[in-house]
N, C-alpha and C. Protein backbone atom coordinates (compact mmCIF):
# COMPACT_ATOMS: atom_id res chain seq x y z
N MET A 1 -4.35 -18.39 -44.48
CA MET A 1 -4.90 -17.13 -44.07
C MET A 1 -3.74 -16.19 -43.73
N ALA A 2 -3.64 -15.10 -44.40
CA ALA A 2 -2.56 -14.14 -44.20
C ALA A 2 -2.95 -13.18 -43.06
N ARG A 3 -1.98 -12.93 -42.23
CA ARG A 3 -2.23 -12.00 -41.12
C ARG A 3 -1.92 -10.59 -41.56
N ASP A 4 -2.62 -9.69 -41.00
CA ASP A 4 -2.43 -8.28 -41.32
C ASP A 4 -1.18 -7.76 -40.61
N LYS A 5 -0.40 -6.92 -41.29
CA LYS A 5 0.83 -6.38 -40.70
C LYS A 5 0.53 -5.45 -39.54
N THR A 6 -0.62 -4.80 -39.54
CA THR A 6 -0.93 -3.89 -38.47
C THR A 6 -1.18 -4.62 -37.16
N SER A 7 -1.67 -5.84 -37.21
CA SER A 7 -1.88 -6.58 -35.97
C SER A 7 -0.56 -6.95 -35.32
N PHE A 8 0.48 -7.24 -36.11
CA PHE A 8 1.78 -7.50 -35.55
C PHE A 8 2.44 -6.22 -35.04
N ALA A 9 2.23 -5.13 -35.70
CA ALA A 9 2.83 -3.87 -35.28
C ALA A 9 2.25 -3.39 -33.96
N SER A 10 0.99 -3.64 -33.71
CA SER A 10 0.38 -3.19 -32.47
C SER A 10 0.77 -4.08 -31.30
N MET A 11 1.25 -5.28 -31.56
CA MET A 11 1.62 -6.20 -30.50
C MET A 11 3.15 -6.34 -30.37
N ALA A 12 3.89 -5.49 -31.00
CA ALA A 12 5.34 -5.63 -31.02
C ALA A 12 5.93 -5.26 -29.65
N PHE A 13 6.95 -5.99 -29.27
CA PHE A 13 7.69 -5.71 -28.05
C PHE A 13 8.95 -4.95 -28.46
N THR A 14 8.95 -3.66 -28.24
CA THR A 14 10.05 -2.83 -28.70
C THR A 14 10.82 -2.27 -27.51
N LEU A 15 11.91 -1.63 -27.83
CA LEU A 15 12.72 -0.97 -26.80
C LEU A 15 11.92 0.15 -26.13
N TYR A 16 11.09 0.83 -26.91
CA TYR A 16 10.29 1.92 -26.35
C TYR A 16 9.31 1.39 -25.31
N THR A 17 8.68 0.24 -25.57
CA THR A 17 7.75 -0.32 -24.59
C THR A 17 8.49 -0.78 -23.34
N LEU A 18 9.71 -1.27 -23.49
CA LEU A 18 10.50 -1.65 -22.34
C LEU A 18 10.87 -0.43 -21.49
N ILE A 19 11.24 0.65 -22.15
CA ILE A 19 11.56 1.90 -21.44
C ILE A 19 10.31 2.45 -20.76
N GLN A 20 9.18 2.39 -21.44
CA GLN A 20 7.93 2.88 -20.89
C GLN A 20 7.53 2.06 -19.66
N THR A 21 7.75 0.76 -19.68
CA THR A 21 7.46 -0.08 -18.54
C THR A 21 8.35 0.29 -17.35
N ALA A 22 9.62 0.54 -17.60
CA ALA A 22 10.53 0.95 -16.53
C ALA A 22 10.10 2.29 -15.94
N ILE A 23 9.66 3.20 -16.79
CA ILE A 23 9.20 4.51 -16.32
C ILE A 23 7.95 4.36 -15.46
N LEU A 24 7.03 3.52 -15.88
CA LEU A 24 5.81 3.31 -15.10
C LEU A 24 6.09 2.66 -13.76
N CYS A 25 7.02 1.72 -13.71
CA CYS A 25 7.38 1.09 -12.43
C CYS A 25 8.07 2.09 -11.51
N THR A 26 8.91 2.93 -12.06
CA THR A 26 9.57 3.97 -11.26
C THR A 26 8.56 4.98 -10.75
N ASN A 27 7.58 5.32 -11.57
CA ASN A 27 6.49 6.20 -11.12
C ASN A 27 5.72 5.57 -9.98
N ALA A 28 5.47 4.28 -10.07
CA ALA A 28 4.72 3.58 -9.02
C ALA A 28 5.49 3.61 -7.70
N ILE A 29 6.79 3.46 -7.75
CA ILE A 29 7.60 3.50 -6.53
C ILE A 29 7.65 4.93 -5.99
N ALA A 30 7.72 5.90 -6.89
CA ALA A 30 7.88 7.30 -6.48
C ALA A 30 6.62 7.86 -5.80
N VAL A 31 5.46 7.31 -6.07
CA VAL A 31 4.24 7.87 -5.47
C VAL A 31 3.84 7.19 -4.18
N LEU A 32 4.58 6.18 -3.73
CA LEU A 32 4.24 5.52 -2.47
C LEU A 32 4.50 6.49 -1.32
N HIS A 33 3.50 6.70 -0.51
CA HIS A 33 3.58 7.64 0.60
C HIS A 33 3.78 6.85 1.89
N GLU A 34 4.76 7.25 2.70
CA GLU A 34 5.09 6.47 3.89
C GLU A 34 3.97 6.49 4.92
N GLU A 35 3.43 7.65 5.23
CA GLU A 35 2.42 7.74 6.27
C GLU A 35 1.07 7.18 5.83
N ARG A 36 0.71 7.40 4.59
CA ARG A 36 -0.62 6.99 4.13
C ARG A 36 -0.70 5.52 3.73
N PHE A 37 0.34 5.01 3.10
CA PHE A 37 0.26 3.66 2.56
C PHE A 37 1.21 2.69 3.25
N LEU A 38 2.47 3.04 3.30
CA LEU A 38 3.48 2.10 3.79
C LEU A 38 3.33 1.79 5.28
N SER A 39 2.93 2.77 6.09
CA SER A 39 2.78 2.50 7.52
C SER A 39 1.59 1.61 7.80
N LYS A 40 0.59 1.61 6.94
CA LYS A 40 -0.58 0.76 7.13
C LYS A 40 -0.28 -0.71 6.89
N ILE A 41 0.73 -0.98 6.07
CA ILE A 41 1.10 -2.37 5.83
C ILE A 41 2.33 -2.78 6.64
N GLY A 42 2.72 -1.93 7.59
CA GLY A 42 3.83 -2.25 8.47
C GLY A 42 5.20 -1.91 7.92
N TRP A 43 5.26 -0.99 6.97
CA TRP A 43 6.53 -0.61 6.37
C TRP A 43 6.78 0.88 6.59
N GLY A 44 6.47 1.39 7.76
CA GLY A 44 6.61 2.80 8.05
C GLY A 44 8.04 3.23 8.30
N VAL A 45 8.17 4.46 8.80
CA VAL A 45 9.48 5.06 9.04
C VAL A 45 10.23 4.30 10.13
N ASP A 46 9.52 3.91 11.19
CA ASP A 46 10.19 3.23 12.31
C ASP A 46 10.47 1.76 12.03
N GLN A 47 9.97 1.23 10.97
CA GLN A 47 10.22 -0.17 10.62
C GLN A 47 11.58 -0.30 9.95
N GLY A 48 12.22 -1.42 10.14
CA GLY A 48 13.47 -1.69 9.47
C GLY A 48 14.68 -0.98 10.03
N VAL A 49 14.56 -0.42 11.25
CA VAL A 49 15.68 0.24 11.87
C VAL A 49 16.43 -0.80 12.69
N GLY A 50 17.66 -1.06 12.33
CA GLY A 50 18.47 -2.04 13.04
C GLY A 50 19.40 -1.36 14.02
N GLY A 51 20.12 -2.17 14.77
CA GLY A 51 21.10 -1.65 15.70
C GLY A 51 22.38 -1.29 15.00
N PHE A 52 23.29 -0.71 15.76
CA PHE A 52 24.57 -0.30 15.21
C PHE A 52 25.39 -1.53 14.86
N GLY A 53 25.91 -1.58 13.64
CA GLY A 53 26.73 -2.69 13.22
C GLY A 53 25.95 -3.87 12.66
N ASP A 54 24.64 -3.85 12.78
CA ASP A 54 23.82 -4.93 12.21
C ASP A 54 23.66 -4.73 10.72
N ASP A 55 23.67 -5.84 10.01
CA ASP A 55 23.39 -5.76 8.58
C ASP A 55 21.91 -5.49 8.38
N PRO A 56 21.57 -4.54 7.49
CA PRO A 56 20.15 -4.25 7.27
C PRO A 56 19.49 -5.44 6.56
N GLY A 57 18.26 -5.71 6.97
CA GLY A 57 17.52 -6.80 6.37
C GLY A 57 16.96 -6.40 5.01
N VAL A 58 16.26 -7.32 4.40
CA VAL A 58 15.67 -7.08 3.08
C VAL A 58 14.63 -5.96 3.15
N LYS A 59 13.83 -5.98 4.21
CA LYS A 59 12.79 -4.96 4.37
C LYS A 59 13.41 -3.56 4.48
N ALA A 60 14.47 -3.44 5.25
CA ALA A 60 15.13 -2.15 5.40
C ALA A 60 15.77 -1.70 4.10
N GLN A 61 16.30 -2.62 3.33
CA GLN A 61 16.90 -2.26 2.05
C GLN A 61 15.84 -1.81 1.05
N ILE A 62 14.67 -2.48 1.04
CA ILE A 62 13.59 -2.07 0.13
C ILE A 62 13.07 -0.69 0.53
N LEU A 63 12.91 -0.44 1.85
CA LEU A 63 12.48 0.89 2.29
C LEU A 63 13.50 1.96 1.91
N ASN A 64 14.77 1.63 2.03
CA ASN A 64 15.82 2.57 1.63
C ASN A 64 15.76 2.84 0.13
N LEU A 65 15.51 1.81 -0.67
CA LEU A 65 15.36 1.98 -2.12
C LEU A 65 14.18 2.87 -2.45
N ILE A 66 13.06 2.67 -1.78
CA ILE A 66 11.86 3.50 -2.02
C ILE A 66 12.15 4.96 -1.68
N ARG A 67 12.79 5.20 -0.54
CA ARG A 67 13.13 6.58 -0.15
C ARG A 67 14.11 7.20 -1.14
N SER A 68 15.07 6.41 -1.58
CA SER A 68 16.06 6.94 -2.53
C SER A 68 15.43 7.29 -3.87
N VAL A 69 14.54 6.43 -4.36
CA VAL A 69 13.87 6.71 -5.64
C VAL A 69 13.04 7.96 -5.53
N ARG A 70 12.33 8.13 -4.41
CA ARG A 70 11.52 9.34 -4.24
C ARG A 70 12.38 10.58 -4.17
N THR A 71 13.54 10.49 -3.55
CA THR A 71 14.40 11.66 -3.38
C THR A 71 15.13 12.01 -4.67
N VAL A 72 15.77 11.01 -5.27
CA VAL A 72 16.66 11.26 -6.40
C VAL A 72 15.91 11.41 -7.71
N MET A 73 14.86 10.66 -7.91
CA MET A 73 14.21 10.59 -9.23
C MET A 73 13.05 11.56 -9.41
N ARG A 74 12.84 12.47 -8.48
CA ARG A 74 11.69 13.36 -8.59
C ARG A 74 11.77 14.24 -9.85
N VAL A 75 12.82 14.99 -10.01
CA VAL A 75 12.95 15.90 -11.16
C VAL A 75 13.17 15.13 -12.46
N PRO A 76 14.05 14.11 -12.50
CA PRO A 76 14.20 13.36 -13.75
C PRO A 76 12.90 12.69 -14.21
N LEU A 77 12.07 12.23 -13.26
CA LEU A 77 10.80 11.62 -13.66
C LEU A 77 9.86 12.63 -14.30
N ILE A 78 9.87 13.85 -13.81
CA ILE A 78 9.04 14.89 -14.41
C ILE A 78 9.47 15.12 -15.86
N ILE A 79 10.76 15.20 -16.08
CA ILE A 79 11.29 15.44 -17.43
C ILE A 79 11.00 14.25 -18.34
N VAL A 80 11.26 13.03 -17.86
CA VAL A 80 11.06 11.83 -18.69
C VAL A 80 9.58 11.62 -18.98
N ASN A 81 8.72 11.83 -17.99
CA ASN A 81 7.29 11.70 -18.23
C ASN A 81 6.79 12.71 -19.26
N SER A 82 7.29 13.93 -19.17
CA SER A 82 6.90 14.96 -20.15
C SER A 82 7.37 14.58 -21.56
N ALA A 83 8.58 14.06 -21.66
CA ALA A 83 9.08 13.63 -22.97
C ALA A 83 8.26 12.48 -23.53
N CYS A 84 7.87 11.55 -22.69
CA CYS A 84 7.03 10.43 -23.16
C CYS A 84 5.66 10.92 -23.63
N ILE A 85 5.10 11.87 -22.91
CA ILE A 85 3.80 12.41 -23.33
C ILE A 85 3.92 13.11 -24.66
N VAL A 86 4.97 13.90 -24.84
CA VAL A 86 5.16 14.59 -26.11
C VAL A 86 5.35 13.58 -27.25
N LEU A 87 6.15 12.53 -27.01
CA LEU A 87 6.36 11.51 -28.04
C LEU A 87 5.06 10.80 -28.40
N LEU A 88 4.26 10.49 -27.39
CA LEU A 88 2.98 9.84 -27.68
C LEU A 88 2.02 10.76 -28.43
N LEU A 89 2.06 12.06 -28.12
CA LEU A 89 1.20 12.99 -28.84
C LEU A 89 1.66 13.15 -30.30
N LEU A 90 2.96 13.16 -30.51
CA LEU A 90 3.48 13.34 -31.86
C LEU A 90 3.35 12.11 -32.74
N PHE A 91 3.70 10.94 -32.19
CA PHE A 91 3.76 9.74 -32.98
C PHE A 91 2.67 8.70 -32.70
N GLY A 92 1.81 9.03 -31.77
CA GLY A 92 0.68 8.14 -31.50
C GLY A 92 1.05 6.96 -30.75
C-alpha cells in the first residue's frame, strides 16, 4: 500500500514549525500577568526576593526571566507574530 505524499508533507517536522513553536512559547511567557495569574499561584512580585549577597533561587530566576521576556520581547514579538501571520496567509 503506497502512502500519499501529502500525508507526509502535512506531518513534516520542519525548521518553520520549530520556529513557530518557539514563538508560541515566548508568547505564552509574555502574556503572563503578575497580579492576575502569578500572584495567585504564589509567584507574585514579593516572592523570590532574597537578602543582600544571597544567591537567587530557581523561583527568583524564573520570575526574573518572565519579567525580562515581557520587557525586552514586547516589540520584537509584535513584528515576528505579524510576519508569521503574513507568511501563513501567503503560503497556507
